[in-house]
Amino acid sequence: MSKLMSVKELHMKMAEVEGAKASAALKAHEAAEAEKKAFIDHLLAPSGLTDEQAAQKASIIIGRAMENGLTSVQVLRFPNHICTDGGRAINQVEEGWETTLTGLPKEIYDYWKRQLRPLGYHIRYHIVDYPGGMPGDVAITLSWG
């Protein structure tokens, strides 16, 4: 026969359960923050790819999109704070917006300008979400249609 807990024991057990939930939520949040920091660090570091390696990656991405009947593909999505102005120039479609790019987003733009634009490809950097009404992430879309 199981013994019923007293109200005091029940409250203590509930506090333990809530504490465990809070601890798990904190661990999940810390893991997500570490993952986010690693992603940002990756975005800011040079890729180290040669133009030939970048061409191979681009060919695979474009080929898959084309096989699925697409004429454009999102290449990368990144936080707006990777830009020197927080994405303001991109959001306002200002002339010279590309000078605000840093890290991998800048590398992608430079590669497009050097190798893909002469082949007729188009590139677009645009804000894709507005959390709290403010510009959020930036997407890079490559198109050929």
N, C-alpha and C. Protein backbone atom coordinates (compact mmCIF):
# COMPACT_ATOMS: atom_id res chain seq x y z
N MET A 1 0.85 -1.17 0.00
CA MET A 1 0.00 0.00 0.00
C MET A 1 0.90 1.24 0.00
N SER A 2 0.63 2.19 -0.91
CA SER A 2 1.45 3.39 -0.97
C SER A 2 0.96 4.42 0.03
N LYS A 3 1.90 5.13 0.52
CA LYS A 3 1.62 6.14 1.55
C LYS A 3 1.37 7.48 0.87
N LEU A 4 0.36 8.17 1.28
CA LEU A 4 0.08 9.51 0.76
C LEU A 4 1.08 10.48 1.35
N MET A 5 1.53 11.40 0.52
CA MET A 5 2.45 12.44 1.01
C MET A 5 1.65 13.49 1.76
N SER A 6 2.33 14.07 2.72
CA SER A 6 1.71 15.21 3.40
C SER A 6 1.77 16.40 2.45
N VAL A 7 1.01 17.41 2.74
CA VAL A 7 1.02 18.62 1.90
C VAL A 7 2.42 19.23 1.89
N LYS A 8 3.09 19.19 3.03
CA LYS A 8 4.46 19.73 3.11
C LYS A 8 5.39 18.93 2.19
N GLU A 9 5.29 17.59 2.23
CA GLU A 9 6.11 16.74 1.37
C GLU A 9 5.77 16.98 -0.11
N LEU A 10 4.48 17.15 -0.38
CA LEU A 10 4.03 17.42 -1.74
C LEU A 10 4.62 18.73 -2.26
N HIS A 11 4.62 19.76 -1.43
CA HIS A 11 5.19 21.06 -1.82
C HIS A 11 6.69 20.94 -2.07
N MET A 12 7.37 20.17 -1.21
CA MET A 12 8.81 19.97 -1.39
C MET A 12 9.09 19.23 -2.71
N LYS A 13 8.29 18.22 -3.00
CA LYS A 13 8.45 17.46 -4.25
C LYS A 13 8.19 18.35 -5.46
N MET A 14 7.14 19.19 -5.36
CA MET A 14 6.84 20.12 -6.46
C MET A 14 7.99 21.09 -6.66
N ALA A 15 8.59 21.56 -5.57
CA ALA A 15 9.73 22.48 -5.67
C ALA A 15 10.92 21.79 -6.34
N GLU A 16 11.15 20.52 -6.00
CA GLU A 16 12.23 19.75 -6.63
C GLU A 16 11.99 19.62 -8.13
N VAL A 17 10.76 19.29 -8.52
CA VAL A 17 10.41 19.13 -9.93
C VAL A 17 10.59 20.46 -10.68
N GLU A 18 10.12 21.55 -10.09
CA GLU A 18 10.28 22.87 -10.71
C GLU A 18 11.75 23.25 -10.81
N GLY A 19 12.51 22.92 -9.78
CA GLY A 19 13.96 23.20 -9.81
C GLY A 19 14.65 22.43 -10.91
N ALA A 20 14.27 21.18 -11.09
CA ALA A 20 14.85 20.36 -12.15
C ALA A 20 14.49 20.91 -13.52
N LYS A 21 13.23 21.35 -13.67
CA LYS A 21 12.80 21.95 -14.94
C LYS A 21 13.60 23.22 -15.22
N ALA A 22 13.76 24.07 -14.21
CA ALA A 22 14.50 25.32 -14.38
C ALA A 22 15.96 25.03 -14.72
N SER A 23 16.54 24.03 -14.07
CA SER A 23 17.93 23.66 -14.35
C SER A 23 18.08 23.16 -15.79
N ALA A 24 17.14 22.32 -16.22
CA ALA A 24 17.18 21.82 -17.60
C ALA A 24 17.00 22.95 -18.60
N ALA A 25 16.10 23.88 -18.31
CA ALA A 25 15.88 25.02 -19.20
C ALA A 25 17.14 25.88 -19.29
N LEU A 26 17.81 26.09 -18.14
CA LEU A 26 19.04 26.88 -18.12
C LEU A 26 20.13 26.19 -18.94
N LYS A 27 20.27 24.88 -18.78
CA LYS A 27 21.27 24.13 -19.54
C LYS A 27 20.98 24.23 -21.04
N ALA A 28 19.71 24.09 -21.42
CA ALA A 28 19.33 24.19 -22.83
C ALA A 28 19.63 25.58 -23.37
N HIS A 29 19.33 26.60 -22.57
CA HIS A 29 19.60 27.99 -22.98
C HIS A 29 21.11 28.21 -23.15
N GLU A 30 21.90 27.73 -22.20
CA GLU A 30 23.35 27.87 -22.28
C GLU A 30 23.91 27.15 -23.50
N ALA A 31 23.37 25.97 -23.80
CA ALA A 31 23.82 25.22 -24.98
C ALA A 31 23.46 25.97 -26.25
N ALA A 32 22.25 26.53 -26.29
CA ALA A 32 21.83 27.30 -27.47
C ALA A 32 22.69 28.54 -27.64
N GLU A 33 23.01 29.21 -26.55
CA GLU A 33 23.88 30.40 -26.62
C GLU A 33 25.28 30.04 -27.09
N ALA A 34 25.81 28.92 -26.62
CA ALA A 34 27.14 28.46 -27.05
C ALA A 34 27.12 28.13 -28.54
N GLU A 35 26.04 27.49 -29.00
CA GLU A 35 25.91 27.17 -30.42
C GLU A 35 25.82 28.44 -31.25
N LYS A 36 25.06 29.41 -30.75
CA LYS A 36 24.92 30.69 -31.45
C LYS A 36 26.26 31.41 -31.54
N LYS A 37 27.02 31.43 -30.45
CA LYS A 37 28.33 32.07 -30.44
C LYS A 37 29.27 31.38 -31.42
N ALA A 38 29.25 30.04 -31.44
CA ALA A 38 30.09 29.29 -32.37
C ALA A 38 29.72 29.63 -33.82
N PHE A 39 28.42 29.77 -34.10
CA PHE A 39 27.96 30.13 -35.44
C PHE A 39 28.46 31.53 -35.82
N ILE A 40 28.34 32.48 -34.89
CA ILE A 40 28.80 33.85 -35.15
C ILE A 40 30.31 33.85 -35.39
N ASP A 41 31.05 33.11 -34.56
CA ASP A 41 32.50 33.01 -34.74
C ASP A 41 32.83 32.44 -36.11
N HIS A 42 32.06 31.43 -36.52
CA HIS A 42 32.26 30.82 -37.85
C HIS A 42 31.99 31.85 -38.95
N LEU A 43 30.93 32.65 -38.78
CA LEU A 43 30.59 33.65 -39.79
C LEU A 43 31.65 34.73 -39.91
N LEU A 44 32.29 35.05 -38.81
CA LEU A 44 33.26 36.14 -38.81
C LEU A 44 34.65 35.70 -39.25
N ALA A 45 34.94 34.41 -39.17
CA ALA A 45 36.25 33.90 -39.55
C ALA A 45 36.32 33.69 -41.06
N PRO A 46 37.50 33.86 -41.64
CA PRO A 46 37.65 33.58 -43.07
C PRO A 46 37.34 32.10 -43.35
N SER A 47 36.69 31.84 -44.48
CA SER A 47 36.32 30.46 -44.81
C SER A 47 37.54 29.65 -45.20
N GLY A 48 38.52 30.30 -45.80
CA GLY A 48 39.70 29.59 -46.25
C GLY A 48 39.50 28.87 -47.58
N LEU A 49 38.33 29.05 -48.20
CA LEU A 49 38.06 28.38 -49.47
C LEU A 49 38.73 29.12 -50.62
N THR A 50 39.25 28.35 -51.55
CA THR A 50 39.75 28.94 -52.78
C THR A 50 38.54 29.19 -53.69
N ASP A 51 38.74 29.97 -54.75
CA ASP A 51 37.65 30.19 -55.70
C ASP A 51 37.18 28.87 -56.31
N GLU A 52 38.11 27.96 -56.54
CA GLU A 52 37.74 26.66 -57.11
C GLU A 52 36.85 25.87 -56.14
N GLN A 53 37.20 25.88 -54.86
CA GLN A 53 36.38 25.18 -53.86
C GLN A 53 35.01 25.84 -53.72
N ALA A 54 35.00 27.17 -53.74
CA ALA A 54 33.73 27.90 -53.66
C ALA A 54 32.87 27.58 -54.88
N ALA A 55 33.50 27.48 -56.05
CA ALA A 55 32.77 27.16 -57.28
C ALA A 55 32.14 25.76 -57.18
N GLN A 56 32.85 24.82 -56.59
CA GLN A 56 32.31 23.47 -56.43
C GLN A 56 31.08 23.50 -55.52
N LYS A 57 31.17 24.22 -54.40
CA LYS A 57 30.04 24.34 -53.48
C LYS A 57 28.86 25.04 -54.16
N ALA A 58 29.14 26.13 -54.86
CA ALA A 58 28.09 26.87 -55.55
C ALA A 58 27.42 25.99 -56.60
N SER A 59 28.20 25.22 -57.32
CA SER A 59 27.67 24.34 -58.36
C SER A 59 26.70 23.31 -57.77
N ILE A 60 27.04 22.77 -56.61
CA ILE A 60 26.18 21.79 -55.95
C ILE A 60 24.87 22.45 -55.52
N ILE A 61 24.97 23.62 -54.88
CA ILE A 61 23.78 24.33 -54.39
C ILE A 61 22.86 24.71 -55.56
N ILE A 62 23.45 25.28 -56.59
CA ILE A 62 22.67 25.71 -57.76
C ILE A 62 22.07 24.51 -58.47
N GLY A 63 22.84 23.45 -58.61
CA GLY A 63 22.35 22.24 -59.27
C GLY A 63 21.14 21.64 -58.57
N ARG A 64 21.20 21.55 -57.25
CA ARG A 64 20.06 21.01 -56.48
C ARG A 64 18.83 21.88 -56.65
N ALA A 65 19.03 23.18 -56.56
CA ALA A 65 17.89 24.10 -56.71
C ALA A 65 17.28 23.96 -58.11
N MET A 66 18.13 23.93 -59.13
CA MET A 66 17.67 23.81 -60.51
C MET A 66 16.90 22.51 -60.72
N GLU A 67 17.40 21.40 -60.16
CA GLU A 67 16.72 20.11 -60.29
C GLU A 67 15.33 20.14 -59.66
N ASN A 68 15.14 21.03 -58.69
CA ASN A 68 13.83 21.17 -58.04
C ASN A 68 12.98 22.26 -58.68
N GLY A 69 13.42 22.73 -59.85
CA GLY A 69 12.64 23.70 -60.60
C GLY A 69 12.74 25.12 -60.07
N LEU A 70 13.74 25.40 -59.24
CA LEU A 70 13.88 26.74 -58.66
C LEU A 70 14.79 27.62 -59.52
N THR A 71 14.58 28.91 -59.43
CA THR A 71 15.45 29.86 -60.13
C THR A 71 16.19 30.76 -59.14
N SER A 72 16.08 30.40 -57.86
CA SER A 72 16.83 31.11 -56.83
C SER A 72 16.98 30.20 -55.62
N VAL A 73 17.96 30.52 -54.78
CA VAL A 73 18.21 29.72 -53.59
C VAL A 73 18.78 30.62 -52.50
N GLN A 74 18.28 30.40 -51.27
CA GLN A 74 18.85 31.12 -50.13
C GLN A 74 20.17 30.45 -49.78
N VAL A 75 21.24 31.22 -49.84
CA VAL A 75 22.58 30.69 -49.63
C VAL A 75 22.95 30.71 -48.14
N LEU A 76 22.53 31.75 -47.43
CA LEU A 76 22.90 31.91 -46.03
C LEU A 76 21.91 32.84 -45.35
N ARG A 77 21.69 32.59 -44.08
CA ARG A 77 20.90 33.49 -43.24
C ARG A 77 21.77 33.79 -42.02
N PHE A 78 21.89 35.06 -41.69
CA PHE A 78 22.78 35.44 -40.59
C PHE A 78 22.20 36.60 -39.79
N PRO A 79 22.63 36.75 -38.53
CA PRO A 79 22.13 37.85 -37.70
C PRO A 79 22.58 39.20 -38.25
N ASN A 80 21.70 40.20 -38.16
CA ASN A 80 22.01 41.51 -38.74
C ASN A 80 23.21 42.18 -38.08
N HIS A 81 23.53 41.80 -36.84
CA HIS A 81 24.66 42.48 -36.18
C HIS A 81 26.02 42.06 -36.74
N ILE A 82 26.03 41.13 -37.69
CA ILE A 82 27.27 40.81 -38.40
C ILE A 82 27.65 41.99 -39.30
N CYS A 83 26.67 42.78 -39.70
CA CYS A 83 26.93 43.98 -40.51
C CYS A 83 27.40 45.10 -39.59
N THR A 84 28.26 45.95 -40.10
CA THR A 84 28.81 47.03 -39.27
C THR A 84 27.76 48.02 -38.81
N ASP A 85 26.63 48.09 -39.51
CA ASP A 85 25.56 49.03 -39.12
C ASP A 85 24.30 48.30 -38.66
N GLY A 86 24.43 47.02 -38.31
CA GLY A 86 23.28 46.26 -37.85
C GLY A 86 22.25 45.97 -38.94
N GLY A 87 22.65 46.06 -40.19
CA GLY A 87 21.75 45.76 -41.31
C GLY A 87 20.92 46.95 -41.79
N ARG A 88 21.16 48.13 -41.24
CA ARG A 88 20.38 49.32 -41.60
C ARG A 88 20.46 49.62 -43.10
N ALA A 89 21.67 49.64 -43.65
CA ALA A 89 21.83 49.97 -45.07
C ALA A 89 21.16 48.94 -45.98
N ILE A 90 21.23 47.67 -45.58
CA ILE A 90 20.55 46.63 -46.35
C ILE A 90 19.05 46.86 -46.29
N ASN A 91 18.54 47.12 -45.11
CA ASN A 91 17.11 47.33 -44.92
C ASN A 91 16.62 48.54 -45.72
N GLN A 92 17.44 49.58 -45.80
CA GLN A 92 17.06 50.80 -46.52
C GLN A 92 17.45 50.75 -48.00
N VAL A 93 18.06 49.65 -48.44
CA VAL A 93 18.54 49.47 -49.81
C VAL A 93 19.38 50.68 -50.23
N GLU A 94 20.29 51.06 -49.36
CA GLU A 94 21.16 52.20 -49.63
C GLU A 94 22.30 51.82 -50.56
N GLU A 95 22.69 52.76 -51.38
CA GLU A 95 23.86 52.55 -52.22
C GLU A 95 25.06 52.35 -51.31
N GLY A 96 25.89 51.37 -51.64
CA GLY A 96 27.08 51.08 -50.83
C GLY A 96 26.80 50.17 -49.65
N TRP A 97 25.60 49.57 -49.58
CA TRP A 97 25.25 48.67 -48.48
C TRP A 97 26.27 47.56 -48.31
N GLU A 98 26.87 47.13 -49.42
CA GLU A 98 27.80 46.01 -49.36
C GLU A 98 29.06 46.31 -48.55
N THR A 99 29.36 47.59 -48.35
CA THR A 99 30.53 47.96 -47.55
C THR A 99 30.31 47.69 -46.06
N THR A 100 29.07 47.40 -45.66
CA THR A 100 28.77 47.11 -44.25
C THR A 100 28.94 45.63 -43.92
N LEU A 101 29.21 44.81 -44.93
CA LEU A 101 29.34 43.37 -44.72
C LEU A 101 30.69 43.02 -44.09
N THR A 102 30.69 41.97 -43.29
CA THR A 102 31.92 41.46 -42.69
C THR A 102 31.92 39.94 -42.81
N GLY A 103 33.05 39.33 -42.55
CA GLY A 103 33.16 37.88 -42.48
C GLY A 103 32.67 37.14 -43.71
N LEU A 104 32.01 36.01 -43.46
CA LEU A 104 31.53 35.15 -44.55
C LEU A 104 30.53 35.85 -45.47
N PRO A 105 29.59 36.66 -44.93
CA PRO A 105 28.68 37.37 -45.85
C PRO A 105 29.43 38.26 -46.85
N LYS A 106 30.53 38.87 -46.40
CA LYS A 106 31.35 39.70 -47.30
C LYS A 106 32.08 38.80 -48.31
N GLU A 107 32.60 37.68 -47.84
CA GLU A 107 33.28 36.75 -48.74
C GLU A 107 32.35 36.28 -49.86
N ILE A 108 31.10 35.97 -49.48
CA ILE A 108 30.12 35.51 -50.47
C ILE A 108 29.85 36.61 -51.49
N TYR A 109 29.69 37.85 -51.01
CA TYR A 109 29.45 38.96 -51.93
C TYR A 109 30.64 39.14 -52.87
N ASP A 110 31.84 39.13 -52.31
CA ASP A 110 33.04 39.32 -53.13
C ASP A 110 33.20 38.21 -54.17
N TYR A 111 32.88 36.96 -53.76
CA TYR A 111 32.96 35.84 -54.70
C TYR A 111 31.93 36.02 -55.82
N TRP A 112 30.71 36.41 -55.45
CA TRP A 112 29.68 36.65 -56.46
C TRP A 112 30.15 37.72 -57.44
N LYS A 113 30.66 38.81 -56.91
CA LYS A 113 31.09 39.93 -57.76
C LYS A 113 32.20 39.50 -58.73
N ARG A 114 33.14 38.70 -58.23
CA ARG A 114 34.29 38.26 -59.02
C ARG A 114 33.94 37.15 -60.01
N GLN A 115 33.16 36.17 -59.57
CA GLN A 115 32.98 34.95 -60.36
C GLN A 115 31.58 34.73 -60.91
N LEU A 116 30.56 35.05 -60.13
CA LEU A 116 29.20 34.70 -60.54
C LEU A 116 28.49 35.81 -61.32
N ARG A 117 28.71 37.05 -60.94
CA ARG A 117 28.05 38.15 -61.66
C ARG A 117 28.42 38.14 -63.14
N PRO A 118 29.70 37.93 -63.50
CA PRO A 118 30.02 37.89 -64.93
C PRO A 118 29.29 36.77 -65.69
N LEU A 119 28.82 35.75 -64.94
CA LEU A 119 28.09 34.64 -65.57
C LEU A 119 26.59 34.89 -65.61
N GLY A 120 26.13 36.04 -65.09
CA GLY A 120 24.72 36.40 -65.15
C GLY A 120 23.93 36.14 -63.88
N TYR A 121 24.57 35.68 -62.82
CA TYR A 121 23.87 35.43 -61.56
C TYR A 121 23.60 36.74 -60.84
N HIS A 122 22.51 36.76 -60.08
CA HIS A 122 22.15 37.92 -59.28
C HIS A 122 22.23 37.53 -57.80
N ILE A 123 22.51 38.52 -56.96
CA ILE A 123 22.56 38.27 -55.52
C ILE A 123 21.73 39.33 -54.82
N ARG A 124 21.07 38.91 -53.75
CA ARG A 124 20.24 39.84 -52.98
C ARG A 124 20.46 39.59 -51.50
N TYR A 125 20.76 40.64 -50.78
CA TYR A 125 20.85 40.60 -49.32
C TYR A 125 19.62 41.34 -48.82
N HIS A 126 18.82 40.69 -47.98
CA HIS A 126 17.59 41.33 -47.52
C HIS A 126 17.23 40.87 -46.11
N ILE A 127 16.57 41.76 -45.38
CA ILE A 127 16.11 41.45 -44.04
C ILE A 127 14.92 40.49 -44.17
N VAL A 128 14.94 39.39 -43.42
CA VAL A 128 13.88 38.39 -43.57
C VAL A 128 12.95 38.29 -42.37
N ASP A 129 13.28 38.95 -41.28
CA ASP A 129 12.34 38.98 -40.16
C ASP A 129 12.52 40.28 -39.38
N TYR A 130 11.49 40.61 -38.64
CA TYR A 130 11.45 41.86 -37.88
C TYR A 130 10.96 41.59 -36.46
N PRO A 131 11.81 40.97 -35.62
CA PRO A 131 11.38 40.70 -34.25
C PRO A 131 11.16 42.01 -33.48
N GLY A 132 10.01 42.12 -32.86
CA GLY A 132 9.71 43.34 -32.12
C GLY A 132 9.64 44.57 -33.00
N GLY A 133 9.41 44.37 -34.31
CA GLY A 133 9.33 45.49 -35.24
C GLY A 133 10.67 46.02 -35.71
N MET A 134 11.75 45.41 -35.25
CA MET A 134 13.10 45.85 -35.62
C MET A 134 13.71 44.85 -36.61
N PRO A 135 14.59 45.33 -37.52
CA PRO A 135 15.23 44.41 -38.47
C PRO A 135 15.95 43.27 -37.74
N GLY A 136 15.79 42.08 -38.27
CA GLY A 136 16.41 40.90 -37.68
C GLY A 136 17.42 40.28 -38.63
N ASP A 137 17.25 39.00 -38.92
CA ASP A 137 18.20 38.27 -39.75
C ASP A 137 18.23 38.76 -41.19
N VAL A 138 19.39 38.57 -41.79
CA VAL A 138 19.63 38.90 -43.20
C VAL A 138 19.76 37.60 -43.97
N ALA A 139 19.12 37.51 -45.12
CA ALA A 139 19.27 36.34 -45.99
C ALA A 139 20.03 36.76 -47.23
N ILE A 140 20.82 35.83 -47.73
CA ILE A 140 21.51 36.02 -49.01
C ILE A 140 20.86 35.07 -49.99
N THR A 141 20.30 35.63 -51.06
CA THR A 141 19.63 34.83 -52.08
C THR A 141 20.37 34.98 -53.40
N LEU A 142 20.71 33.86 -54.00
CA LEU A 142 21.36 33.82 -55.30
C LEU A 142 20.28 33.43 -56.31
N SER A 143 20.21 34.15 -57.43
CA SER A 143 19.18 33.82 -58.43
C SER A 143 19.78 33.84 -59.84
N TRP A 144 19.08 33.16 -60.72
CA TRP A 144 19.52 33.06 -62.12
C TRP A 144 18.36 33.04 -63.07
N GLY A 145 17.18 33.36 -62.59
CA GLY A 145 16.00 33.32 -63.45
C GLY A 145 15.57 34.67 -63.95
